[in-house]
Amino acid sequence: MTKSLGIKLAKVIAVFSVFIFSMLMLKTISQYTSLDKTVGFLAFKQKVVNNPYWMAFFYIHIFSITLCLLAGLTQFSPQFLRENRSLHKMIGRIYVYNILIINVPACFVLGLFSNGGLIGITGFLIQDILWAYFTVAAVLYIKKGNIIQHKNFMILSYAVTTTAITFRIIKNLFYNEKDHDYELFYGINVWMALFINLLIAYYFLRRNVPTIAGK
């Protein structure tokens, strides 16, 4: 298998996987439309579910994150970019505004009350900071006309966006309530999801486009 074919296959698998898991997340998120404070994840957050500010940020985050995931899927196809430049810009703006105006502030507040103790809290806050930094950098580079660096940072931004998927995959595959301490597992999982996604992003940056350092 040639290098270019391997990259294309990896991209197809990645896009397909993100789409499938986005649909599964959408199904999971649908349970919160009932506004029941005891369903799903909220069952573990009973200490804060009566805080109207936390609940508002929670609902804002879960009902908007899938849009980020799906919007990002269309942004890395060369053919799509060539044939739909105006649509690419529109979807890109939706993605950026969704992250910077809605999800970064919401996730900062949610991160302060994260499960996983200090490990989980610091992990989520660092994710949030990187999310904002990568996304802002991507915007600044495209304004300067630097398409390569714009694409690099959008890949990194999307890597942070999809940590929500990686987090759930790790939890579903490896968590066992009989063998693991929930808080410790949760905190470590936050860091593992970020590390794995940035490692995958680095793989694509090294093999597909020039790296951020220009090497």
C-alpha atoms as a PDB file:
ATOM      1  CA  MET A   1       0.000   0.000   0.000  1.00  0.00           C
ATOM      2  CA  THR A   2       1.421   3.386  -0.999  1.00  0.00           C
ATOM      3  CA  LYS A   3       1.782   6.212   1.475  1.00  0.00           C
ATOM      4  CA  SER A   4      -0.887   8.349  -0.235  1.00  0.00           C
ATOM      5  CA  LEU A   5      -3.317   5.431  -0.367  1.00  0.00           C
ATOM      6  CA  GLY A   6      -2.705   4.723   3.305  1.00  0.00           C
ATOM      7  CA  ILE A   7      -3.445   8.347   4.188  1.00  0.00           C
ATOM      8  CA  LYS A   8      -6.654   8.331   2.132  1.00  0.00           C
ATOM      9  CA  LEU A   9      -7.792   5.084   3.758  1.00  0.00           C
ATOM     10  CA  ALA A  10      -7.028   6.457   7.223  1.00  0.00           C
ATOM     11  CA  LYS A  11      -9.051   9.572   6.428  1.00  0.00           C
ATOM     12  CA  VAL A  12     -12.026   7.557   5.202  1.00  0.00           C
ATOM     13  CA  ILE A  13     -11.967   5.378   8.319  1.00  0.00           C
ATOM     14  CA  ALA A  14     -11.626   8.429  10.570  1.00  0.00           C
ATOM     15  CA  VAL A  15     -14.500  10.298   8.899  1.00  0.00           C
ATOM     16  CA  PHE A  16     -16.736   7.229   8.934  1.00  0.00           C
ATOM     17  CA  SER A  17     -15.945   6.557  12.604  1.00  0.00           C
ATOM     18  CA  VAL A  18     -16.636  10.151  13.643  1.00  0.00           C
ATOM     19  CA  PHE A  19     -19.935  10.127  11.746  1.00  0.00           C
ATOM     20  CA  ILE A  20     -21.097   6.861  13.329  1.00  0.00           C
ATOM     21  CA  PHE A  21     -20.138   7.917  16.831  1.00  0.00           C
ATOM     22  CA  SER A  22     -21.688  11.354  16.296  1.00  0.00           C
ATOM     23  CA  MET A  23     -24.974   9.633  15.491  1.00  0.00           C
ATOM     24  CA  LEU A  24     -24.630   7.477  18.614  1.00  0.00           C
ATOM     25  CA  MET A  25     -23.923  10.598  20.674  1.00  0.00           C
ATOM     26  CA  LEU A  26     -26.986  12.252  19.170  1.00  0.00           C
ATOM     27  CA  LYS A  27     -29.046   9.294  20.317  1.00  0.00           C
ATOM     28  CA  THR A  28     -27.547   9.565  23.811  1.00  0.00           C
ATOM     29  CA  ILE A  29     -28.135  13.309  23.920  1.00  0.00           C
ATOM     30  CA  SER A  30     -31.786  12.858  22.953  1.00  0.00           C
ATOM     31  CA  GLN A  31     -32.524  11.477  26.431  1.00  0.00           C
ATOM     32  CA  TYR A  32     -31.876  14.947  27.875  1.00  0.00           C
ATOM     33  CA  THR A  33     -34.748  16.491  25.915  1.00  0.00           C
ATOM     34  CA  SER A  34     -37.001  15.290  28.733  1.00  0.00           C
ATOM     35  CA  LEU A  35     -35.220  17.753  31.076  1.00  0.00           C
ATOM     36  CA  ASP A  36     -35.230  14.986  33.687  1.00  0.00           C
ATOM     37  CA  LYS A  37     -32.437  15.735  36.178  1.00  0.00           C
ATOM     38  CA  THR A  38     -31.795  12.067  36.957  1.00  0.00           C
ATOM     39  CA  VAL A  39     -31.147  10.630  33.488  1.00  0.00           C
ATOM     40  CA  GLY A  40     -27.778   9.605  32.057  1.00  0.00           C
ATOM     41  CA  PHE A  41     -24.790  11.665  33.142  1.00  0.00           C
ATOM     42  CA  LEU A  42     -26.964  13.861  35.380  1.00  0.00           C
ATOM     43  CA  ALA A  43     -27.439  10.922  37.731  1.00  0.00           C
ATOM     44  CA  PHE A  44     -23.791  11.415  38.749  1.00  0.00           C
ATOM     45  CA  LYS A  45     -24.132  15.210  39.136  1.00  0.00           C
ATOM     46  CA  GLN A  46     -26.855  15.477  41.751  1.00  0.00           C
ATOM     47  CA  LYS A  47     -24.810  17.981  43.746  1.00  0.00           C
ATOM     48  CA  VAL A  48     -25.094  20.572  40.974  1.00  0.00           C
ATOM     49  CA  VAL A  49     -28.285  19.752  39.055  1.00  0.00           C
ATOM     50  CA  ASN A  50     -30.221  22.304  41.100  1.00  0.00           C
ATOM     51  CA  ASN A  51     -27.777  25.040  40.116  1.00  0.00           C
ATOM     52  CA  PRO A  52     -29.570  26.822  37.225  1.00  0.00           C
ATOM     53  CA  TYR A  53     -26.313  28.216  35.793  1.00  0.00           C
ATOM     54  CA  TRP A  54     -24.620  24.806  35.656  1.00  0.00           C
ATOM     55  CA  MET A  55     -27.701  23.229  34.115  1.00  0.00           C
ATOM     56  CA  ALA A  56     -27.943  25.984  31.508  1.00  0.00           C
ATOM     57  CA  PHE A  57     -24.321  25.478  30.452  1.00  0.00           C
ATOM     58  CA  PHE A  58     -24.809  21.705  30.456  1.00  0.00           C
ATOM     59  CA  TYR A  59     -27.757  21.837  28.069  1.00  0.00           C
ATOM     60  CA  ILE A  60     -26.055  24.437  25.875  1.00  0.00           C
ATOM     61  CA  HIS A  61     -23.010  22.174  25.566  1.00  0.00           C
ATOM     62  CA  ILE A  62     -24.706  18.843  24.887  1.00  0.00           C
ATOM     63  CA  PHE A  63     -27.200  20.219  22.372  1.00  0.00           C
ATOM     64  CA  SER A  64     -24.544  22.088  20.373  1.00  0.00           C
ATOM     65  CA  ILE A  65     -21.520  19.752  20.441  1.00  0.00           C
ATOM     66  CA  THR A  66     -22.911  17.359  17.823  1.00  0.00           C
ATOM     67  CA  LEU A  67     -23.175  20.289  15.409  1.00  0.00           C
ATOM     68  CA  CYS A  68     -19.448  20.910  15.943  1.00  0.00           C
ATOM     69  CA  LEU A  69     -18.661  17.267  15.248  1.00  0.00           C
ATOM     70  CA  LEU A  70     -20.712  17.108  12.059  1.00  0.00           C
ATOM     71  CA  ALA A  71     -19.578  20.526  10.803  1.00  0.00           C
ATOM     72  CA  GLY A  72     -15.950  19.498  11.131  1.00  0.00           C
ATOM     73  CA  LEU A  73     -16.439  16.394   9.000  1.00  0.00           C
ATOM     74  CA  THR A  74     -16.960  18.440   5.837  1.00  0.00           C
ATOM     75  CA  GLN A  75     -13.922  20.655   6.286  1.00  0.00           C
ATOM     76  CA  PHE A  76     -11.045  18.317   5.410  1.00  0.00           C
ATOM     77  CA  SER A  77     -12.062  16.991   2.002  1.00  0.00           C
ATOM     78  CA  PRO A  78     -10.001  18.605  -0.816  1.00  0.00           C
ATOM     79  CA  GLN A  79     -12.765  17.859  -3.323  1.00  0.00           C
ATOM     80  CA  PHE A  80     -15.412  19.440  -1.109  1.00  0.00           C
ATOM     81  CA  LEU A  81     -13.227  22.524  -0.614  1.00  0.00           C
ATOM     82  CA  ARG A  82     -12.620  22.907  -4.352  1.00  0.00           C
ATOM     83  CA  GLU A  83     -16.265  22.546  -5.321  1.00  0.00           C
ATOM     84  CA  ASN A  84     -17.930  24.296  -2.377  1.00  0.00           C
ATOM     85  CA  ARG A  85     -15.728  27.186  -1.253  1.00  0.00           C
ATOM     86  CA  SER A  86     -18.592  29.386  -0.115  1.00  0.00           C
ATOM     87  CA  LEU A  87     -20.248  26.494   1.735  1.00  0.00           C
ATOM     88  CA  HIS A  88     -16.908  25.624   3.324  1.00  0.00           C
ATOM     89  CA  LYS A  89     -16.605  29.182   4.646  1.00  0.00           C
ATOM     90  CA  MET A  90     -20.163  29.167   5.979  1.00  0.00           C
ATOM     91  CA  ILE A  91     -19.756  25.808   7.754  1.00  0.00           C
ATOM     92  CA  GLY A  92     -16.357  26.920   9.034  1.00  0.00           C
ATOM     93  CA  ARG A  93     -17.884  30.031  10.580  1.00  0.00           C
ATOM     94  CA  ILE A  94     -20.594  27.939  12.233  1.00  0.00           C
ATOM     95  CA  TYR A  95     -17.923  25.625  13.641  1.00  0.00           C
ATOM     96  CA  VAL A  96     -15.777  28.497  14.945  1.00  0.00           C
ATOM     97  CA  TYR A  97     -18.659  30.495  16.426  1.00  0.00           C
ATOM     98  CA  ASN A  98     -20.079  27.357  18.019  1.00  0.00           C
ATOM     99  CA  ILE A  99     -16.773  26.639  19.721  1.00  0.00           C
ATOM    100  CA  LEU A 100     -15.606  30.111  20.725  1.00  0.00           C
ATOM    101  CA  ILE A 101     -18.924  31.727  21.639  1.00  0.00           C
ATOM    102  CA  ILE A 102     -20.867  28.736  22.951  1.00  0.00           C
ATOM    103  CA  ASN A 103     -18.795  25.724  23.901  1.00  0.00           C
ATOM    104  CA  VAL A 104     -15.524  27.132  25.226  1.00  0.00           C
ATOM    105  CA  PRO A 105     -17.309  29.280  27.866  1.00  0.00           C
ATOM    106  CA  ALA A 106     -19.774  26.483  28.662  1.00  0.00           C
ATOM    107  CA  CYS A 107     -17.070  23.837  28.989  1.00  0.00           C
ATOM    108  CA  PHE A 108     -14.963  26.096  31.199  1.00  0.00           C
ATOM    109  CA  VAL A 109     -17.804  26.313  33.707  1.00  0.00           C
ATOM    110  CA  LEU A 110     -18.592  22.595  33.419  1.00  0.00           C
ATOM    111  CA  GLY A 111     -14.899  21.773  33.776  1.00  0.00           C
ATOM    112  CA  LEU A 112     -14.751  23.518  37.150  1.00  0.00           C
ATOM    113  CA  PHE A 113     -17.321  20.998  38.427  1.00  0.00           C
ATOM    114  CA  SER A 114     -15.939  18.019  36.525  1.00  0.00           C
ATOM    115  CA  ASN A 115     -15.890  14.470  37.835  1.00  0.00           C
ATOM    116  CA  GLY A 116     -12.478  12.906  38.318  1.00  0.00           C
ATOM    117  CA  GLY A 117     -11.286  15.202  41.078  1.00  0.00           C
ATOM    118  CA  LEU A 118      -8.340  17.514  40.455  1.00  0.00           C
ATOM    119  CA  ILE A 119      -7.096  15.254  37.640  1.00  0.00           C
ATOM    120  CA  GLY A 120     -10.391  15.534  35.770  1.00  0.00           C
ATOM    121  CA  ILE A 121     -10.815  19.267  36.405  1.00  0.00           C
ATOM    122  CA  THR A 122      -7.316  20.189  35.203  1.00  0.00           C
ATOM    123  CA  GLY A 123      -7.696  17.875  32.207  1.00  0.00           C
ATOM    124  CA  PHE A 124     -10.950  19.470  31.086  1.00  0.00           C
ATOM    125  CA  LEU A 125      -9.671  23.014  31.622  1.00  0.00           C
ATOM    126  CA  ILE A 126      -6.518  22.324  29.590  1.00  0.00           C
ATOM    127  CA  GLN A 127      -8.669  20.788  26.850  1.00  0.00           C
ATOM    128  CA  ASP A 128     -10.777  23.931  26.864  1.00  0.00           C
ATOM    129  CA  ILE A 129      -7.749  26.231  26.648  1.00  0.00           C
ATOM    130  CA  LEU A 130      -6.226  24.215  23.792  1.00  0.00           C
ATOM    131  CA  TRP A 131      -9.598  24.131  22.027  1.00  0.00           C
ATOM    132  CA  ALA A 132      -9.807  27.916  22.094  1.00  0.00           C
ATOM    133  CA  TYR A 133      -6.134  28.395  21.156  1.00  0.00           C
ATOM    134  CA  PHE A 134      -6.154  26.022  18.180  1.00  0.00           C
ATOM    135  CA  THR A 135      -9.424  27.454  16.845  1.00  0.00           C
ATOM    136  CA  VAL A 136      -8.347  31.100  17.199  1.00  0.00           C
ATOM    137  CA  ALA A 137      -4.980  30.294  15.591  1.00  0.00           C
ATOM    138  CA  ALA A 138      -6.761  28.669  12.631  1.00  0.00           C
ATOM    139  CA  VAL A 139      -8.884  31.788  12.144  1.00  0.00           C
ATOM    140  CA  LEU A 140      -5.902  34.152  12.383  1.00  0.00           C
ATOM    141  CA  TYR A 141      -3.887  32.152   9.865  1.00  0.00           C
ATOM    142  CA  ILE A 142      -6.650  32.084   7.266  1.00  0.00           C
ATOM    143  CA  LYS A 143      -7.057  35.843   7.655  1.00  0.00           C
ATOM    144  CA  LYS A 144      -3.348  36.105   6.788  1.00  0.00           C
ATOM    145  CA  GLY A 145      -3.873  33.854   3.773  1.00  0.00           C
ATOM    146  CA  ASN A 146      -1.813  31.013   5.213  1.00  0.00           C
ATOM    147  CA  ILE A 147      -3.936  28.038   4.146  1.00  0.00           C
ATOM    148  CA  ILE A 148      -1.474  25.359   5.279  1.00  0.00           C
ATOM    149  CA  GLN A 149      -1.255  26.646   8.840  1.00  0.00           C
ATOM    150  CA  HIS A 150      -5.011  27.233   8.879  1.00  0.00           C
ATOM    151  CA  LYS A 151      -5.573  23.597   7.977  1.00  0.00           C
ATOM    152  CA  ASN A 152      -2.990  22.429  10.530  1.00  0.00           C
ATOM    153  CA  PHE A 153      -4.675  24.248  13.387  1.00  0.00           C
ATOM    154  CA  MET A 154      -8.154  23.236  12.269  1.00  0.00           C
ATOM    155  CA  ILE A 155      -7.018  19.611  12.442  1.00  0.00           C
ATOM    156  CA  LEU A 156      -5.775  20.217  15.987  1.00  0.00           C
ATOM    157  CA  SER A 157      -8.999  22.026  16.901  1.00  0.00           C
ATOM    158  CA  TYR A 158     -11.084  19.149  15.580  1.00  0.00           C
ATOM    159  CA  ALA A 159      -8.887  16.700  17.478  1.00  0.00           C
ATOM    160  CA  VAL A 160      -9.976  18.417  20.704  1.00  0.00           C
ATOM    161  CA  THR A 161     -13.597  18.531  19.518  1.00  0.00           C
ATOM    162  CA  THR A 162     -13.637  14.758  19.053  1.00  0.00           C
ATOM    163  CA  THR A 163     -12.204  13.993  22.509  1.00  0.00           C
ATOM    164  CA  ALA A 164     -15.860  13.608  23.537  1.00  0.00           C
ATOM    165  CA  ILE A 165     -16.037  10.565  21.264  1.00  0.00           C
ATOM    166  CA  THR A 166     -12.677   9.089  22.324  1.00  0.00           C
ATOM    167  CA  PHE A 167     -13.595   9.559  25.986  1.00  0.00           C
ATOM    168  CA  ARG A 168     -16.757   7.504  25.554  1.00  0.00           C
ATOM    169  CA  ILE A 169     -14.996   4.797  23.538  1.00  0.00           C
ATOM    170  CA  ILE A 170     -12.385   4.319  26.278  1.00  0.00           C
ATOM    171  CA  LYS A 171     -15.057   4.297  28.980  1.00  0.00           C
ATOM    172  CA  ASN A 172     -17.228   1.753  27.188  1.00  0.00           C
ATOM    173  CA  LEU A 173     -14.301  -0.526  26.372  1.00  0.00           C
ATOM    174  CA  PHE A 174     -12.361  -0.494  29.618  1.00  0.00           C
ATOM    175  CA  TYR A 175     -14.414   0.770  32.556  1.00  0.00           C
ATOM    176  CA  ASN A 176     -15.647  -1.847  35.004  1.00  0.00           C
ATOM    177  CA  GLU A 177     -17.294  -0.560  38.166  1.00  0.00           C
ATOM    178  CA  LYS A 178     -16.130  -3.649  40.072  1.00  0.00           C
ATOM    179  CA  ASP A 179     -12.466  -3.146  39.218  1.00  0.00           C
ATOM    180  CA  HIS A 180     -12.085   0.617  38.822  1.00  0.00           C
ATOM    181  CA  ASP A 181     -12.561   3.634  41.014  1.00  0.00           C
ATOM    182  CA  TYR A 182     -14.994   5.785  39.016  1.00  0.00           C
ATOM    183  CA  GLU A 183     -13.480   9.160  39.916  1.00  0.00           C
ATOM    184  CA  LEU A 184      -9.891   8.080  39.219  1.00  0.00           C
ATOM    185  CA  PHE A 185     -10.832   6.327  35.970  1.00  0.00           C
ATOM    186  CA  TYR A 186     -12.812   9.368  34.845  1.00  0.00           C
ATOM    187  CA  GLY A 187      -9.946  11.771  35.512  1.00  0.00           C
ATOM    188  CA  ILE A 188      -7.352   9.610  33.748  1.00  0.00           C
ATOM    189  CA  ASN A 189      -9.750   9.072  30.843  1.00  0.00           C
ATOM    190  CA  VAL A 190      -9.984  12.833  30.254  1.00  0.00           C
ATOM    191  CA  TRP A 191      -6.218  13.001  29.751  1.00  0.00           C
ATOM    192  CA  MET A 192      -6.072   9.787  27.714  1.00  0.00           C
ATOM    193  CA  ALA A 193      -8.722  11.030  25.268  1.00  0.00           C
ATOM    194  CA  LEU A 194      -6.814  14.289  24.741  1.00  0.00           C
ATOM    195  CA  PHE A 195      -3.455  12.521  24.341  1.00  0.00           C
ATOM    196  CA  ILE A 196      -4.786   9.959  21.857  1.00  0.00           C
ATOM    197  CA  ASN A 197      -6.540  12.559  19.714  1.00  0.00           C
ATOM    198  CA  LEU A 198      -3.552  14.906  19.579  1.00  0.00           C
ATOM    199  CA  LEU A 199      -1.341  11.939  18.685  1.00  0.00           C
ATOM    200  CA  ILE A 200      -3.670  11.057  15.793  1.00  0.00           C
ATOM    201  CA  ALA A 201      -3.718  14.705  14.688  1.00  0.00           C
ATOM    202  CA  TYR A 202       0.082  14.786  14.781  1.00  0.00           C
ATOM    203  CA  TYR A 203       0.155  11.674  12.574  1.00  0.00           C
ATOM    204  CA  PHE A 204      -1.965  13.402   9.938  1.00  0.00           C
ATOM    205  CA  LEU A 205       0.068  16.604  10.166  1.00  0.00           C
ATOM    206  CA  ARG A 206       3.366  14.767   9.698  1.00  0.00           C
ATOM    207  CA  ARG A 207       2.220  12.608   6.808  1.00  0.00           C
ATOM    208  CA  ASN A 208      -0.249  14.787   4.974  1.00  0.00           C
ATOM    209  CA  VAL A 209       0.772  18.430   5.236  1.00  0.00           C
ATOM    210  CA  PRO A 210       3.781  20.415   6.520  1.00  0.00           C
ATOM    211  CA  THR A 211       3.944  20.531  10.298  1.00  0.00           C
ATOM    212  CA  ILE A 212       3.208  23.625  12.334  1.00  0.00           C
ATOM    213  CA  ALA A 213       6.925  24.187  12.728  1.00  0.00           C
ATOM    214  CA  GLY A 214       7.230  24.132   8.955  1.00  0.00           C
ATOM    215  CA  LYS A 215       9.544  21.100   8.915  1.00  0.00           C
END
